[in-house]
Amino acid sequence: MRLELKVIKDTLLVQIGGELDILAADRIRQEIDRVMQARKIQKLILDLEEISFMDSAGLGVILGRYKKISAVGGKMYIVRAHPGIRKILELAGVHKLVTLCQDEKEIISL
């Protein structure tokens, strides 16, 4: 599992690679929460381009971060989700809460 976090102004861009499953969920959750607490993050972008597999623990990470960013009046976005991952997000109803985008360029410029 690969995890890279980058802060750009009030935006946290999280790039995740590999499997977003129960083995990776705690580390991802802890790292995102640590940065969100340390900085005044208003936009959270999850880049899922390199995700090869996602299970219910991965959905839990996404929904939990949505709840945290929403609690401070922020917004969450998912970019570059492959069709299989996008289908999982849609079946779980995540697309009704989190905006799915092609890339982060438009989000960061807002």
C-alpha atoms as a PDB file:
ATOM      1  CA  MET A   1       0.000   0.000   0.000  1.00  0.00           C
ATOM      2  CA  ARG A   2       1.257   3.440  -0.950  1.00  0.00           C
ATOM      3  CA  LEU A   3       0.094   6.600   0.794  1.00  0.00           C
ATOM      4  CA  GLU A   4       1.115  10.158  -0.028  1.00  0.00           C
ATOM      5  CA  LEU A   5      -0.409  13.267   1.565  1.00  0.00           C
ATOM      6  CA  LYS A   6       0.089  16.769   0.209  1.00  0.00           C
ATOM      7  CA  VAL A   7      -1.345  20.009   1.641  1.00  0.00           C
ATOM      8  CA  ILE A   8      -2.076  22.841  -0.805  1.00  0.00           C
ATOM      9  CA  LYS A   9      -3.498  25.873   1.035  1.00  0.00           C
ATOM     10  CA  ASP A  10      -6.647  24.540   2.778  1.00  0.00           C
ATOM     11  CA  THR A  11      -6.750  21.356   0.656  1.00  0.00           C
ATOM     12  CA  LEU A  12      -5.444  17.906   1.570  1.00  0.00           C
ATOM     13  CA  LEU A  13      -4.668  15.715  -1.450  1.00  0.00           C
ATOM     14  CA  VAL A  14      -4.341  12.043  -0.525  1.00  0.00           C
ATOM     15  CA  GLN A  15      -2.932   9.621  -3.096  1.00  0.00           C
ATOM     16  CA  ILE A  16      -3.505   5.980  -2.238  1.00  0.00           C
ATOM     17  CA  GLY A  17      -2.071   3.027  -4.124  1.00  0.00           C
ATOM     18  CA  GLY A  18      -2.576  -0.706  -3.807  1.00  0.00           C
ATOM     19  CA  GLU A  19      -5.380  -2.233  -1.788  1.00  0.00           C
ATOM     20  CA  LEU A  20      -7.716  -0.141   0.340  1.00  0.00           C
ATOM     21  CA  ASP A  21      -8.716  -2.930   2.681  1.00  0.00           C
ATOM     22  CA  ILE A  22      -8.822  -3.822   6.361  1.00  0.00           C
ATOM     23  CA  LEU A  23      -5.019  -4.155   6.485  1.00  0.00           C
ATOM     24  CA  ALA A  24      -4.468  -0.604   5.194  1.00  0.00           C
ATOM     25  CA  ALA A  25      -7.540   1.133   6.660  1.00  0.00           C
ATOM     26  CA  ASP A  26      -6.125   2.059  10.088  1.00  0.00           C
ATOM     27  CA  ARG A  27      -2.932   3.596   8.711  1.00  0.00           C
ATOM     28  CA  ILE A  28      -4.814   5.615   6.102  1.00  0.00           C
ATOM     29  CA  ARG A  29      -7.403   6.775   8.639  1.00  0.00           C
ATOM     30  CA  GLN A  30      -4.734   7.813  11.177  1.00  0.00           C
ATOM     31  CA  GLU A  31      -2.573   9.699   8.674  1.00  0.00           C
ATOM     32  CA  ILE A  32      -5.477  11.646   7.158  1.00  0.00           C
ATOM     33  CA  ASP A  33      -6.909  12.491  10.589  1.00  0.00           C
ATOM     34  CA  ARG A  34      -3.485  13.614  11.851  1.00  0.00           C
ATOM     35  CA  VAL A  35      -3.072  16.121   9.015  1.00  0.00           C
ATOM     36  CA  MET A  36      -6.689  17.291   9.223  1.00  0.00           C
ATOM     37  CA  GLN A  37      -6.267  18.032  12.934  1.00  0.00           C
ATOM     38  CA  ALA A  38      -2.933  19.807  12.481  1.00  0.00           C
ATOM     39  CA  ARG A  39      -4.089  22.025   9.597  1.00  0.00           C
ATOM     40  CA  LYS A  40      -7.356  23.829   8.845  1.00  0.00           C
ATOM     41  CA  ILE A  41      -8.368  21.570   5.978  1.00  0.00           C
ATOM     42  CA  GLN A  42     -11.531  22.571   4.099  1.00  0.00           C
ATOM     43  CA  LYS A  43     -11.190  20.333   1.039  1.00  0.00           C
ATOM     44  CA  LEU A  44     -10.232  16.678   1.157  1.00  0.00           C
ATOM     45  CA  ILE A  45      -9.355  15.002  -2.146  1.00  0.00           C
ATOM     46  CA  LEU A  46      -8.841  11.253  -2.348  1.00  0.00           C
ATOM     47  CA  ASP A  47      -6.970  10.199  -5.482  1.00  0.00           C
ATOM     48  CA  LEU A  48      -7.911   6.550  -6.069  1.00  0.00           C
ATOM     49  CA  GLU A  49      -6.177   6.097  -9.424  1.00  0.00           C
ATOM     50  CA  GLU A  50      -3.781   3.452  -8.100  1.00  0.00           C
ATOM     51  CA  ILE A  51      -6.327   1.512  -6.025  1.00  0.00           C
ATOM     52  CA  SER A  52      -6.497  -2.088  -7.227  1.00  0.00           C
ATOM     53  CA  PHE A  53      -9.005  -3.368  -4.638  1.00  0.00           C
ATOM     54  CA  MET A  54     -11.360  -1.888  -2.049  1.00  0.00           C
ATOM     55  CA  ASP A  55     -13.486  -3.642   0.564  1.00  0.00           C
ATOM     56  CA  SER A  56     -15.951  -2.475   3.222  1.00  0.00           C
ATOM     57  CA  ALA A  57     -13.093  -1.253   5.449  1.00  0.00           C
ATOM     58  CA  GLY A  58     -12.029   1.031   2.603  1.00  0.00           C
ATOM     59  CA  LEU A  59     -15.575   2.336   2.292  1.00  0.00           C
ATOM     60  CA  GLY A  60     -15.517   2.923   6.051  1.00  0.00           C
ATOM     61  CA  VAL A  61     -12.372   5.040   5.728  1.00  0.00           C
ATOM     62  CA  ILE A  62     -13.979   7.121   2.987  1.00  0.00           C
ATOM     63  CA  LEU A  63     -17.287   7.611   4.824  1.00  0.00           C
ATOM     64  CA  GLY A  64     -15.537   8.379   8.113  1.00  0.00           C
ATOM     65  CA  ARG A  65     -13.373  11.072   6.483  1.00  0.00           C
ATOM     66  CA  TYR A  66     -16.504  12.483   4.816  1.00  0.00           C
ATOM     67  CA  LYS A  67     -18.140  12.773   8.234  1.00  0.00           C
ATOM     68  CA  LYS A  68     -15.079  14.526   9.714  1.00  0.00           C
ATOM     69  CA  ILE A  69     -14.637  17.029   6.880  1.00  0.00           C
ATOM     70  CA  SER A  70     -18.377  17.769   6.808  1.00  0.00           C
ATOM     71  CA  ALA A  71     -18.369  18.427  10.563  1.00  0.00           C
ATOM     72  CA  VAL A  72     -16.025  21.395   9.999  1.00  0.00           C
ATOM     73  CA  GLY A  73     -17.977  22.695   6.993  1.00  0.00           C
ATOM     74  CA  GLY A  74     -15.574  21.262   4.447  1.00  0.00           C
ATOM     75  CA  LYS A  75     -16.060  19.257   1.261  1.00  0.00           C
ATOM     76  CA  MET A  76     -14.717  15.941   0.064  1.00  0.00           C
ATOM     77  CA  TYR A  77     -13.912  14.789  -3.450  1.00  0.00           C
ATOM     78  CA  ILE A  78     -12.766  11.544  -5.051  1.00  0.00           C
ATOM     79  CA  VAL A  79     -10.705  11.726  -8.221  1.00  0.00           C
ATOM     80  CA  ARG A  80      -9.488   9.221 -10.807  1.00  0.00           C
ATOM     81  CA  ALA A  81     -11.496   6.228  -9.566  1.00  0.00           C
ATOM     82  CA  HIS A  82     -11.316   3.371 -12.072  1.00  0.00           C
ATOM     83  CA  PRO A  83     -14.651   1.967 -13.327  1.00  0.00           C
ATOM     84  CA  GLY A  84     -14.613  -1.011 -10.913  1.00  0.00           C
ATOM     85  CA  ILE A  85     -13.892   1.192  -7.885  1.00  0.00           C
ATOM     86  CA  ARG A  86     -16.396   3.787  -9.107  1.00  0.00           C
ATOM     87  CA  LYS A  87     -19.049   1.044  -9.298  1.00  0.00           C
ATOM     88  CA  ILE A  88     -18.365   0.069  -5.667  1.00  0.00           C
ATOM     89  CA  LEU A  89     -18.680   3.730  -4.623  1.00  0.00           C
ATOM     90  CA  GLU A  90     -21.966   4.073  -6.498  1.00  0.00           C
ATOM     91  CA  LEU A  91     -23.426   0.826  -5.124  1.00  0.00           C
ATOM     92  CA  ALA A  92     -22.568   1.992  -1.593  1.00  0.00           C
ATOM     93  CA  GLY A  93     -24.153   5.410  -2.245  1.00  0.00           C
ATOM     94  CA  VAL A  94     -20.889   7.291  -1.695  1.00  0.00           C
ATOM     95  CA  HIS A  95     -21.435   9.269  -4.911  1.00  0.00           C
ATOM     96  CA  LYS A  96     -24.470  10.910  -3.271  1.00  0.00           C
ATOM     97  CA  LEU A  97     -22.256  12.371  -0.516  1.00  0.00           C
ATOM     98  CA  VAL A  98     -18.868  12.856  -2.141  1.00  0.00           C
ATOM     99  CA  THR A  99     -18.285  14.501  -5.526  1.00  0.00           C
ATOM    100  CA  LEU A 100     -16.564  12.181  -8.015  1.00  0.00           C
ATOM    101  CA  CYS A 101     -14.259  14.072 -10.408  1.00  0.00           C
ATOM    102  CA  GLN A 102     -11.812  13.323 -13.212  1.00  0.00           C
ATOM    103  CA  ASP A 103      -8.903  15.140 -11.516  1.00  0.00           C
ATOM    104  CA  GLU A 104      -8.039  17.633  -8.780  1.00  0.00           C
ATOM    105  CA  LYS A 105      -7.112  20.661 -10.941  1.00  0.00           C
ATOM    106  CA  GLU A 106     -10.577  22.217 -10.868  1.00  0.00           C
ATOM    107  CA  ILE A 107     -11.063  21.481  -7.151  1.00  0.00           C
ATOM    108  CA  ILE A 108      -7.786  23.049  -6.033  1.00  0.00           C
ATOM    109  CA  SER A 109      -8.439  26.223  -8.056  1.00  0.00           C
ATOM    110  CA  LEU A 110     -11.870  26.756  -6.418  1.00  0.00           C
END
